[in-house]
Amino acid sequence: QPTNVMMFAKHAGALTPFDADARWQPVTADARRPWTDDYSNLVGAM
């Protein structure tokens, strides 16, 4: 199946095994408010 995946680690060094694979792209965030247990915005995300 088509698959959409993100990968996270505590530091960049933990992701070095994937550096040679161009399919894994770095991700940057914009300045919008992150979701919390107290706040989420499904309509905005849609």
ModelCIF file with pLDDT and N, C-alpha, C, O atoms, coordinates in Angstrom:
data_MODEL
#
_entry.id   MODEL 
#
_entity.id                         1 
_entity.type                       polymer 
_entity.pdbx_number_of_molecules   1 
#
_entity_poly.entity_id                      1 
_entity_poly.type                           'polypeptide(L)' 
_entity_poly.nstd_linkage                   no 
_entity_poly.nstd_monomer                   no 
_entity_poly.pdbx_seq_one_letter_code       QPTNVMMFAKHAGALTPFDADARWQPVTADARRPWTDDYSNLVGAM 
_entity_poly.pdbx_seq_one_letter_code_can   QPTNVMMFAKHAGALTPFDADARWQPVTADARRPWTDDYSNLVGAM 
_entity_poly.pdbx_strand_id                 A 
#
loop_
_entity_poly_seq.entity_id 
_entity_poly_seq.num 
_entity_poly_seq.mon_id 
_entity_poly_seq.hetero 
1 1  GLN n 
1 2  PRO n 
1 3  THR n 
1 4  ASN n 
1 5  VAL n 
1 6  MET n 
1 7  MET n 
1 8  PHE n 
1 9  ALA n 
1 10 LYS n 
1 11 HIS n 
1 12 ALA n 
1 13 GLY n 
1 14 ALA n 
1 15 LEU n 
1 16 THR n 
1 17 PRO n 
1 18 PHE n 
1 19 ASP n 
1 20 ALA n 
1 21 ASP n 
1 22 ALA n 
1 23 ARG n 
1 24 TRP n 
1 25 GLN n 
1 26 PRO n 
1 27 VAL n 
1 28 THR n 
1 29 ALA n 
1 30 ASP n 
1 31 ALA n 
1 32 ARG n 
1 33 ARG n 
1 34 PRO n 
1 35 TRP n 
1 36 THR n 
1 37 ASP n 
1 38 ASP n 
1 39 TYR n 
1 40 SER n 
1 41 ASN n 
1 42 LEU n 
1 43 VAL n 
1 44 GLY n 
1 45 ALA n 
1 46 MET n 
#
_struct_asym.id          A 
_struct_asym.entity_id   1 
#
loop_
_ma_qa_metric.id 
_ma_qa_metric.mode 
_ma_qa_metric.name 
_ma_qa_metric.software_group_id 
_ma_qa_metric.type 
1 global pLDDT . pLDDT 
2 local  pLDDT . pLDDT 
#
_ma_qa_metric_global.metric_id      1 
_ma_qa_metric_global.metric_value   92.17 
_ma_qa_metric_global.model_id       1 
_ma_qa_metric_global.ordinal_id     1 
#
loop_
_ma_qa_metric_local.label_asym_id 
_ma_qa_metric_local.label_comp_id 
_ma_qa_metric_local.label_seq_id 
_ma_qa_metric_local.metric_id 
_ma_qa_metric_local.metric_value 
_ma_qa_metric_local.model_id 
_ma_qa_metric_local.ordinal_id 
A GLN 1  2 89.00 1 1  
A PRO 2  2 92.00 1 2  
A THR 3  2 94.00 1 3  
A ASN 4  2 96.00 1 4  
A VAL 5  2 97.00 1 5  
A MET 6  2 97.00 1 6  
A MET 7  2 97.00 1 7  
A PHE 8  2 98.00 1 8  
A ALA 9  2 97.00 1 9  
A LYS 10 2 97.00 1 10 
A HIS 11 2 96.00 1 11 
A ALA 12 2 95.00 1 12 
A GLY 13 2 95.00 1 13 
A ALA 14 2 96.00 1 14 
A LEU 15 2 96.00 1 15 
A THR 16 2 95.00 1 16 
A PRO 17 2 94.00 1 17 
A PHE 18 2 95.00 1 18 
A ASP 19 2 92.00 1 19 
A ALA 20 2 92.00 1 20 
A ASP 21 2 94.00 1 21 
A ALA 22 2 94.00 1 22 
A ARG 23 2 95.00 1 23 
A TRP 24 2 96.00 1 24 
A GLN 25 2 95.00 1 25 
A PRO 26 2 94.00 1 26 
A VAL 27 2 95.00 1 27 
A THR 28 2 93.00 1 28 
A ALA 29 2 95.00 1 29 
A ASP 30 2 93.00 1 30 
A ALA 31 2 91.00 1 31 
A ARG 32 2 92.00 1 32 
A ARG 33 2 93.00 1 33 
A PRO 34 2 95.00 1 34 
A TRP 35 2 93.00 1 35 
A THR 36 2 92.00 1 36 
A ASP 37 2 87.00 1 37 
A ASP 38 2 86.00 1 38 
A TYR 39 2 88.00 1 39 
A SER 40 2 86.00 1 40 
A ASN 41 2 85.00 1 41 
A LEU 42 2 81.00 1 42 
A VAL 43 2 79.00 1 43 
A GLY 44 2 83.00 1 44 
A ALA 45 2 84.00 1 45 
A MET 46 2 81.00 1 46 
#
loop_
_atom_site.group_PDB 
_atom_site.id 
_atom_site.type_symbol 
_atom_site.label_atom_id 
_atom_site.label_alt_id 
_atom_site.label_comp_id 
_atom_site.label_asym_id 
_atom_site.label_entity_id 
_atom_site.label_seq_id 
_atom_site.pdbx_PDB_ins_code 
_atom_site.Cartn_x 
_atom_site.Cartn_y 
_atom_site.Cartn_z 
_atom_site.occupancy 
_atom_site.B_iso_or_equiv 
_atom_site.pdbx_formal_charge 
_atom_site.auth_seq_id 
_atom_site.auth_comp_id 
_atom_site.auth_asym_id 
_atom_site.auth_atom_id 
_atom_site.pdbx_PDB_model_num 
ATOM 1   N N  . GLN A 1 1  ? 0.821   -1.205 0.000  1.00 89.00 ? 1  GLN A N  1 
ATOM 2   C CA . GLN A 1 1  ? 0.000   0.000  0.000  1.00 89.00 ? 1  GLN A CA 1 
ATOM 3   C C  . GLN A 1 1  ? 0.862   1.265  0.000  1.00 89.00 ? 1  GLN A C  1 
ATOM 4   O O  . GLN A 1 1  ? 1.970   1.250  0.537  1.00 89.00 ? 1  GLN A O  1 
ATOM 5   N N  . PRO A 1 2  ? 0.364   2.377  -0.604 1.00 92.00 ? 2  PRO A N  1 
ATOM 6   C CA . PRO A 1 2  ? 1.044   3.673  -0.428 1.00 92.00 ? 2  PRO A CA 1 
ATOM 7   C C  . PRO A 1 2  ? 1.133   3.998  1.063  1.00 92.00 ? 2  PRO A C  1 
ATOM 8   O O  . PRO A 1 2  ? 0.166   3.820  1.805  1.00 92.00 ? 2  PRO A O  1 
ATOM 9   N N  . THR A 1 3  ? 2.297   4.475  1.490  1.00 94.00 ? 3  THR A N  1 
ATOM 10  C CA . THR A 1 3  ? 2.546   4.626  2.923  1.00 94.00 ? 3  THR A CA 1 
ATOM 11  C C  . THR A 1 3  ? 3.213   5.969  3.201  1.00 94.00 ? 3  THR A C  1 
ATOM 12  O O  . THR A 1 3  ? 4.202   6.326  2.561  1.00 94.00 ? 3  THR A O  1 
ATOM 13  N N  . ASN A 1 4  ? 2.663   6.705  4.161  1.00 96.00 ? 4  ASN A N  1 
ATOM 14  C CA . ASN A 1 4  ? 3.192   8.004  4.558  1.00 96.00 ? 4  ASN A CA 1 
ATOM 15  C C  . ASN A 1 4  ? 3.740   7.890  5.977  1.00 96.00 ? 4  ASN A C  1 
ATOM 16  O O  . ASN A 1 4  ? 3.006   7.514  6.891  1.00 96.00 ? 4  ASN A O  1 
ATOM 17  N N  . VAL A 1 5  ? 5.014   8.208  6.174  1.00 97.00 ? 5  VAL A N  1 
ATOM 18  C CA . VAL A 1 5  ? 5.671   7.961  7.459  1.00 97.00 ? 5  VAL A CA 1 
ATOM 19  C C  . VAL A 1 5  ? 6.569   9.133  7.820  1.00 97.00 ? 5  VAL A C  1 
ATOM 20  O O  . VAL A 1 5  ? 7.236   9.701  6.956  1.00 97.00 ? 5  VAL A O  1 
ATOM 21  N N  . MET A 1 6  ? 6.586   9.493  9.099  1.00 97.00 ? 6  MET A N  1 
ATOM 22  C CA . MET A 1 6  ? 7.572   10.422 9.641  1.00 97.00 ? 6  MET A CA 1 
ATOM 23  C C  . MET A 1 6  ? 8.434   9.702  10.663 1.00 97.00 ? 6  MET A C  1 
ATOM 24  O O  . MET A 1 6  ? 8.018   8.722  11.280 1.00 97.00 ? 6  MET A O  1 
ATOM 25  N N  . MET A 1 7  ? 9.640   10.212 10.823 1.00 97.00 ? 7  MET A N  1 
ATOM 26  C CA . MET A 1 7  ? 10.605  9.604  11.735 1.00 97.00 ? 7  MET A CA 1 
ATOM 27  C C  . MET A 1 7  ? 11.127  10.684 12.680 1.00 97.00 ? 7  MET A C  1 
ATOM 28  O O  . MET A 1 7  ? 11.416  11.802 12.254 1.00 97.00 ? 7  MET A O  1 
ATOM 29  N N  . PHE A 1 8  ? 11.247  10.344 13.962 1.00 98.00 ? 8  PHE A N  1 
ATOM 30  C CA . PHE A 1 8  ? 11.693  11.301 14.977 1.00 98.00 ? 8  PHE A CA 1 
ATOM 31  C C  . PHE A 1 8  ? 12.790  10.668 15.834 1.00 98.00 ? 8  PHE A C  1 
ATOM 32  O O  . PHE A 1 8  ? 12.842  9.452  16.014 1.00 98.00 ? 8  PHE A O  1 
ATOM 33  N N  . ALA A 1 9  ? 13.653  11.523 16.350 1.00 97.00 ? 9  ALA A N  1 
ATOM 34  C CA . ALA A 1 9  ? 14.684  11.064 17.282 1.00 97.00 ? 9  ALA A CA 1 
ATOM 35  C C  . ALA A 1 9  ? 15.048  12.220 18.206 1.00 97.00 ? 9  ALA A C  1 
ATOM 36  O O  . ALA A 1 9  ? 14.754  13.381 17.923 1.00 97.00 ? 9  ALA A O  1 
ATOM 37  N N  . LYS A 1 10 ? 15.693  11.874 19.316 1.00 97.00 ? 10 LYS A N  1 
ATOM 38  C CA . LYS A 1 10 ? 16.066  12.911 20.283 1.00 97.00 ? 10 LYS A CA 1 
ATOM 39  C C  . LYS A 1 10 ? 17.166  13.811 19.745 1.00 97.00 ? 10 LYS A C  1 
ATOM 40  O O  . LYS A 1 10 ? 17.260  14.976 20.132 1.00 97.00 ? 10 LYS A O  1 
ATOM 41  N N  . HIS A 1 11 ? 18.008  13.277 18.848 1.00 96.00 ? 11 HIS A N  1 
ATOM 42  C CA . HIS A 1 11 ? 19.076  14.081 18.263 1.00 96.00 ? 11 HIS A CA 1 
ATOM 43  C C  . HIS A 1 11 ? 19.316  13.593 16.844 1.00 96.00 ? 11 HIS A C  1 
ATOM 44  O O  . HIS A 1 11 ? 18.960  12.466 16.500 1.00 96.00 ? 11 HIS A O  1 
ATOM 45  N N  . ALA A 1 12 ? 19.926  14.451 16.014 1.00 95.00 ? 12 ALA A N  1 
ATOM 46  C CA . ALA A 1 12 ? 20.105  14.139 14.596 1.00 95.00 ? 12 ALA A CA 1 
ATOM 47  C C  . ALA A 1 12 ? 20.990  12.926 14.385 1.00 95.00 ? 12 ALA A C  1 
ATOM 48  O O  . ALA A 1 12 ? 20.827  12.214 13.395 1.00 95.00 ? 12 ALA A O  1 
ATOM 49  N N  . GLY A 1 13 ? 21.925  12.674 15.292 1.00 95.00 ? 13 GLY A N  1 
ATOM 50  C CA . GLY A 1 13 ? 22.836  11.543 15.127 1.00 95.00 ? 13 GLY A CA 1 
ATOM 51  C C  . GLY A 1 13 ? 22.119  10.203 15.089 1.00 95.00 ? 13 GLY A C  1 
ATOM 52  O O  . GLY A 1 13 ? 22.608  9.262  14.464 1.00 95.00 ? 13 GLY A O  1 
ATOM 53  N N  . ALA A 1 14 ? 20.966  10.099 15.748 1.00 96.00 ? 14 ALA A N  1 
ATOM 54  C CA . ALA A 1 14 ? 20.242  8.833  15.762 1.00 96.00 ? 14 ALA A CA 1 
ATOM 55  C C  . ALA A 1 14 ? 19.682  8.483  14.389 1.00 96.00 ? 14 ALA A C  1 
ATOM 56  O O  . ALA A 1 14 ? 19.365  7.323  14.128 1.00 96.00 ? 14 ALA A O  1 
ATOM 57  N N  . LEU A 1 15 ? 19.557  9.485  13.502 1.00 96.00 ? 15 LEU A N  1 
ATOM 58  C CA . LEU A 1 15 ? 18.997  9.242  12.173 1.00 96.00 ? 15 LEU A CA 1 
ATOM 59  C C  . LEU A 1 15 ? 20.065  9.113  11.094 1.00 96.00 ? 15 LEU A C  1 
ATOM 60  O O  . LEU A 1 15 ? 19.725  9.029  9.914  1.00 96.00 ? 15 LEU A O  1 
ATOM 61  N N  . THR A 1 16 ? 21.348  9.094  11.459 1.00 95.00 ? 16 THR A N  1 
ATOM 62  C CA . THR A 1 16 ? 22.418  8.981  10.465 1.00 95.00 ? 16 THR A CA 1 
ATOM 63  C C  . THR A 1 16 ? 22.354  7.706  9.636  1.00 95.00 ? 16 THR A C  1 
ATOM 64  O O  . THR A 1 16 ? 22.811  7.723  8.493  1.00 95.00 ? 16 THR A O  1 
ATOM 65  N N  . PRO A 1 17 ? 21.802  6.574  10.157 1.00 94.00 ? 17 PRO A N  1 
ATOM 66  C CA . PRO A 1 17 ? 21.691  5.393  9.273  1.00 94.00 ? 17 PRO A CA 1 
ATOM 67  C C  . PRO A 1 17 ? 20.850  5.639  8.020  1.00 94.00 ? 17 PRO A C  1 
ATOM 68  O O  . PRO A 1 17 ? 20.917  4.859  7.071  1.00 94.00 ? 17 PRO A O  1 
ATOM 69  N N  . PHE A 1 18 ? 20.058  6.717  8.008  1.00 95.00 ? 18 PHE A N  1 
ATOM 70  C CA . PHE A 1 18 ? 19.185  6.987  6.868  1.00 95.00 ? 18 PHE A CA 1 
ATOM 71  C C  . PHE A 1 18 ? 19.703  8.134  5.996  1.00 95.00 ? 18 PHE A C  1 
ATOM 72  O O  . PHE A 1 18 ? 19.035  8.541  5.046  1.00 95.00 ? 18 PHE A O  1 
ATOM 73  N N  . ASP A 1 19 ? 20.895  8.655  6.318  1.00 92.00 ? 19 ASP A N  1 
ATOM 74  C CA . ASP A 1 19 ? 21.416  9.799  5.569  1.00 92.00 ? 19 ASP A CA 1 
ATOM 75  C C  . ASP A 1 19 ? 21.632  9.479  4.098  1.00 92.00 ? 19 ASP A C  1 
ATOM 76  O O  . ASP A 1 19 ? 21.445  10.342 3.240  1.00 92.00 ? 19 ASP A O  1 
ATOM 77  N N  . ALA A 1 20 ? 22.019  8.257  3.803  1.00 92.00 ? 20 ALA A N  1 
ATOM 78  C CA . ALA A 1 20 ? 22.340  7.903  2.414  1.00 92.00 ? 20 ALA A CA 1 
ATOM 79  C C  . ALA A 1 20 ? 21.101  7.625  1.573  1.00 92.00 ? 20 ALA A C  1 
ATOM 80  O O  . ALA A 1 20 ? 21.201  7.477  0.355  1.00 92.00 ? 20 ALA A O  1 
ATOM 81  N N  . ASP A 1 21 ? 19.966  7.554  2.193  1.00 94.00 ? 21 ASP A N  1 
ATOM 82  C CA . ASP A 1 21 ? 18.722  7.243  1.475  1.00 94.00 ? 21 ASP A CA 1 
ATOM 83  C C  . ASP A 1 21 ? 17.986  8.552  1.188  1.00 94.00 ? 21 ASP A C  1 
ATOM 84  O O  . ASP A 1 21 ? 17.423  9.174  2.090  1.00 94.00 ? 21 ASP A O  1 
ATOM 85  N N  . ALA A 1 22 ? 18.001  8.960  -0.090 1.00 94.00 ? 22 ALA A N  1 
ATOM 86  C CA . ALA A 1 22 ? 17.417  10.248 -0.468 1.00 94.00 ? 22 ALA A CA 1 
ATOM 87  C C  . ALA A 1 22 ? 15.907  10.270 -0.316 1.00 94.00 ? 22 ALA A C  1 
ATOM 88  O O  . ALA A 1 22 ? 15.294  11.336 -0.372 1.00 94.00 ? 22 ALA A O  1 
ATOM 89  N N  . ARG A 1 23 ? 15.299  9.101  -0.125 1.00 95.00 ? 23 ARG A N  1 
ATOM 90  C CA . ARG A 1 23 ? 13.846  9.079  0.037  1.00 95.00 ? 23 ARG A CA 1 
ATOM 91  C C  . ARG A 1 23 ? 13.422  9.673  1.374  1.00 95.00 ? 23 ARG A C  1 
ATOM 92  O O  . ARG A 1 23 ? 12.297  10.152 1.516  1.00 95.00 ? 23 ARG A O  1 
ATOM 93  N N  . TRP A 1 24 ? 14.317  9.642  2.349  1.00 96.00 ? 24 TRP A N  1 
ATOM 94  C CA . TRP A 1 24 ? 14.025  10.222 3.666  1.00 96.00 ? 24 TRP A CA 1 
ATOM 95  C C  . TRP A 1 24 ? 14.470  11.680 3.657  1.00 96.00 ? 24 TRP A C  1 
ATOM 96  O O  . TRP A 1 24 ? 15.664  11.981 3.669  1.00 96.00 ? 24 TRP A O  1 
ATOM 97  N N  . GLN A 1 25 ? 13.487  12.579 3.637  1.00 95.00 ? 25 GLN A N  1 
ATOM 98  C CA . GLN A 1 25 ? 13.762  14.001 3.525  1.00 95.00 ? 25 GLN A CA 1 
ATOM 99  C C  . GLN A 1 25 ? 13.659  14.701 4.884  1.00 95.00 ? 25 GLN A C  1 
ATOM 100 O O  . GLN A 1 25 ? 12.763  14.399 5.673  1.00 95.00 ? 25 GLN A O  1 
ATOM 101 N N  . PRO A 1 26 ? 14.588  15.648 5.158  1.00 94.00 ? 26 PRO A N  1 
ATOM 102 C CA . PRO A 1 26 ? 14.452  16.442 6.400  1.00 94.00 ? 26 PRO A CA 1 
ATOM 103 C C  . PRO A 1 26 ? 13.145  17.235 6.388  1.00 94.00 ? 26 PRO A C  1 
ATOM 104 O O  . PRO A 1 26 ? 12.608  17.560 5.329  1.00 94.00 ? 26 PRO A O  1 
ATOM 105 N N  . VAL A 1 27 ? 12.648  17.537 7.581  1.00 95.00 ? 27 VAL A N  1 
ATOM 106 C CA . VAL A 1 27 ? 11.381  18.252 7.732  1.00 95.00 ? 27 VAL A CA 1 
ATOM 107 C C  . VAL A 1 27 ? 11.617  19.502 8.557  1.00 95.00 ? 27 VAL A C  1 
ATOM 108 O O  . VAL A 1 27 ? 12.305  19.462 9.577  1.00 95.00 ? 27 VAL A O  1 
ATOM 109 N N  . THR A 1 28 ? 11.043  20.614 8.113  1.00 93.00 ? 28 THR A N  1 
ATOM 110 C CA . THR A 1 28 ? 11.075  21.845 8.899  1.00 93.00 ? 28 THR A CA 1 
ATOM 111 C C  . THR A 1 28 ? 9.649   22.255 9.224  1.00 93.00 ? 28 THR A C  1 
ATOM 112 O O  . THR A 1 28 ? 8.714   21.951 8.484  1.00 93.00 ? 28 THR A O  1 
ATOM 113 N N  . ALA A 1 29 ? 9.502   22.944 10.333 1.00 95.00 ? 29 ALA A N  1 
ATOM 114 C CA . ALA A 1 29 ? 8.164   23.348 10.788 1.00 95.00 ? 29 ALA A CA 1 
ATOM 115 C C  . ALA A 1 29 ? 7.940   24.824 10.536 1.00 95.00 ? 29 ALA A C  1 
ATOM 116 O O  . ALA A 1 29 ? 8.879   25.621 10.542 1.00 95.00 ? 29 ALA A O  1 
ATOM 117 N N  . ASP A 1 30 ? 6.666   25.183 10.312 1.00 93.00 ? 30 ASP A N  1 
ATOM 118 C CA . ASP A 1 30 ? 6.323   26.597 10.226 1.00 93.00 ? 30 ASP A CA 1 
ATOM 119 C C  . ASP A 1 30 ? 6.074   27.127 11.637 1.00 93.00 ? 30 ASP A C  1 
ATOM 120 O O  . ASP A 1 30 ? 6.285   26.425 12.625 1.00 93.00 ? 30 ASP A O  1 
ATOM 121 N N  . ALA A 1 31 ? 5.622   28.380 11.709 1.00 91.00 ? 31 ALA A N  1 
ATOM 122 C CA . ALA A 1 31 ? 5.481   29.030 13.015 1.00 91.00 ? 31 ALA A CA 1 
ATOM 123 C C  . ALA A 1 31 ? 4.097   28.872 13.625 1.00 91.00 ? 31 ALA A C  1 
ATOM 124 O O  . ALA A 1 31 ? 3.793   29.510 14.633 1.00 91.00 ? 31 ALA A O  1 
ATOM 125 N N  . ARG A 1 32 ? 3.253   28.034 13.034 1.00 92.00 ? 32 ARG A N  1 
ATOM 126 C CA . ARG A 1 32 ? 1.905   27.889 13.569 1.00 92.00 ? 32 ARG A CA 1 
ATOM 127 C C  . ARG A 1 32 ? 1.917   27.109 14.884 1.00 92.00 ? 32 ARG A C  1 
ATOM 128 O O  . ARG A 1 32 ? 2.887   26.435 15.231 1.00 92.00 ? 32 ARG A O  1 
ATOM 129 N N  . ARG A 1 33 ? 0.818   27.229 15.583 1.00 93.00 ? 33 ARG A N  1 
ATOM 130 C CA . ARG A 1 33 ? 0.708   26.673 16.933 1.00 93.00 ? 33 ARG A CA 1 
ATOM 131 C C  . ARG A 1 33 ? 0.649   25.150 16.900 1.00 93.00 ? 33 ARG A C  1 
ATOM 132 O O  . ARG A 1 33 ? -0.174  24.590 16.177 1.00 93.00 ? 33 ARG A O  1 
ATOM 133 N N  . PRO A 1 34 ? 1.501   24.465 17.665 1.00 95.00 ? 34 PRO A N  1 
ATOM 134 C CA . PRO A 1 34 ? 1.423   22.997 17.721 1.00 95.00 ? 34 PRO A CA 1 
ATOM 135 C C  . PRO A 1 34 ? 0.215   22.541 18.531 1.00 95.00 ? 34 PRO A C  1 
ATOM 136 O O  . PRO A 1 34 ? -0.227  23.228 19.452 1.00 95.00 ? 34 PRO A O  1 
ATOM 137 N N  . TRP A 1 35 ? -0.304  21.383 18.177 1.00 93.00 ? 35 TRP A N  1 
ATOM 138 C CA . TRP A 1 35 ? -1.434  20.824 18.908 1.00 93.00 ? 35 TRP A CA 1 
ATOM 139 C C  . TRP A 1 35 ? -0.990  20.336 20.277 1.00 93.00 ? 35 TRP A C  1 
ATOM 140 O O  . TRP A 1 35 ? 0.123   19.841 20.457 1.00 93.00 ? 35 TRP A O  1 
ATOM 141 N N  . THR A 1 36 ? -1.896  20.490 21.237 1.00 92.00 ? 36 THR A N  1 
ATOM 142 C CA . THR A 1 36 ? -1.683  19.982 22.591 1.00 92.00 ? 36 THR A CA 1 
ATOM 143 C C  . THR A 1 36 ? -2.953  19.263 23.032 1.00 92.00 ? 36 THR A C  1 
ATOM 144 O O  . THR A 1 36 ? -3.948  19.255 22.309 1.00 92.00 ? 36 THR A O  1 
ATOM 145 N N  . ASP A 1 37 ? -2.919  18.662 24.211 1.00 87.00 ? 37 ASP A N  1 
ATOM 146 C CA . ASP A 1 37 ? -4.143  18.067 24.745 1.00 87.00 ? 37 ASP A CA 1 
ATOM 147 C C  . ASP A 1 37 ? -5.218  19.127 24.960 1.00 87.00 ? 37 ASP A C  1 
ATOM 148 O O  . ASP A 1 37 ? -6.409  18.817 24.990 1.00 87.00 ? 37 ASP A O  1 
ATOM 149 N N  . ASP A 1 38 ? -4.788  20.380 25.107 1.00 86.00 ? 38 ASP A N  1 
ATOM 150 C CA . ASP A 1 38 ? -5.702  21.477 25.376 1.00 86.00 ? 38 ASP A CA 1 
ATOM 151 C C  . ASP A 1 38 ? -6.124  22.221 24.116 1.00 86.00 ? 38 ASP A C  1 
ATOM 152 O O  . ASP A 1 38 ? -7.052  23.029 24.151 1.00 86.00 ? 38 ASP A O  1 
ATOM 153 N N  . TYR A 1 39 ? -5.442  21.950 22.996 1.00 88.00 ? 39 TYR A N  1 
ATOM 154 C CA . TYR A 1 39 ? -5.737  22.692 21.768 1.00 88.00 ? 39 TYR A CA 1 
ATOM 155 C C  . TYR A 1 39 ? -5.456  21.822 20.545 1.00 88.00 ? 39 TYR A C  1 
ATOM 156 O O  . TYR A 1 39 ? -4.385  21.226 20.434 1.00 88.00 ? 39 TYR A O  1 
ATOM 157 N N  . SER A 1 40 ? -6.415  21.753 19.635 1.00 86.00 ? 40 SER A N  1 
ATOM 158 C CA . SER A 1 40 ? -6.206  21.135 18.327 1.00 86.00 ? 40 SER A CA 1 
ATOM 159 C C  . SER A 1 40 ? -7.158  21.805 17.350 1.00 86.00 ? 40 SER A C  1 
ATOM 160 O O  . SER A 1 40 ? -8.151  22.411 17.754 1.00 86.00 ? 40 SER A O  1 
ATOM 161 N N  . ASN A 1 41 ? -6.856  21.695 16.073 1.00 85.00 ? 41 ASN A N  1 
ATOM 162 C CA . ASN A 1 41 ? -7.645  22.398 15.063 1.00 85.00 ? 41 ASN A CA 1 
ATOM 163 C C  . ASN A 1 41 ? -7.777  21.514 13.831 1.00 85.00 ? 41 ASN A C  1 
ATOM 164 O O  . ASN A 1 41 ? -7.055  21.693 12.850 1.00 85.00 ? 41 ASN A O  1 
ATOM 165 N N  . LEU A 1 42 ? -8.698  20.563 13.884 1.00 81.00 ? 42 LEU A N  1 
ATOM 166 C CA . LEU A 1 42 ? -8.892  19.652 12.758 1.00 81.00 ? 42 LEU A CA 1 
ATOM 167 C C  . LEU A 1 42 ? -9.404  20.380 11.521 1.00 81.00 ? 42 LEU A C  1 
ATOM 168 O O  . LEU A 1 42 ? -8.981  20.085 10.403 1.00 81.00 ? 42 LEU A O  1 
ATOM 169 N N  . VAL A 1 43 ? -10.317 21.332 11.721 1.00 79.00 ? 43 VAL A N  1 
ATOM 170 C CA . VAL A 1 43 ? -10.855 22.075 10.581 1.00 79.00 ? 43 VAL A CA 1 
ATOM 171 C C  . VAL A 1 43 ? -9.739  22.818 9.862  1.00 79.00 ? 43 VAL A C  1 
ATOM 172 O O  . VAL A 1 43 ? -9.660  22.792 8.633  1.00 79.00 ? 43 VAL A O  1 
ATOM 173 N N  . GLY A 1 44 ? -8.874  23.483 10.631 1.00 83.00 ? 44 GLY A N  1 
ATOM 174 C CA . GLY A 1 44 ? -7.752  24.195 10.028 1.00 83.00 ? 44 GLY A CA 1 
ATOM 175 C C  . GLY A 1 44 ? -6.819  23.262 9.277  1.00 83.00 ? 44 GLY A C  1 
ATOM 176 O O  . GLY A 1 44 ? -6.330  23.606 8.201  1.00 83.00 ? 44 GLY A O  1 
ATOM 177 N N  . ALA A 1 45 ? -6.565  22.071 9.841  1.00 84.00 ? 45 ALA A N  1 
ATOM 178 C CA . ALA A 1 45 ? -5.696  21.096 9.174  1.00 84.00 ? 45 ALA A CA 1 
ATOM 179 C C  . ALA A 1 45 ? -6.316  20.602 7.878  1.00 84.00 ? 45 ALA A C  1 
ATOM 180 O O  . ALA A 1 45 ? -5.609  20.401 6.891  1.00 84.00 ? 45 ALA A O  1 
ATOM 181 N N  . MET A 1 46 ? -7.627  20.404 7.870  1.00 81.00 ? 46 MET A N  1 
ATOM 182 C CA . MET A 1 46 ? -8.306  19.968 6.650  1.00 81.00 ? 46 MET A CA 1 
ATOM 183 C C  . MET A 1 46 ? -8.262  21.056 5.575  1.00 81.00 ? 46 MET A C  1 
ATOM 184 O O  . MET A 1 46 ? -8.786  20.863 4.479  1.00 81.00 ? 46 MET A O  1 
#
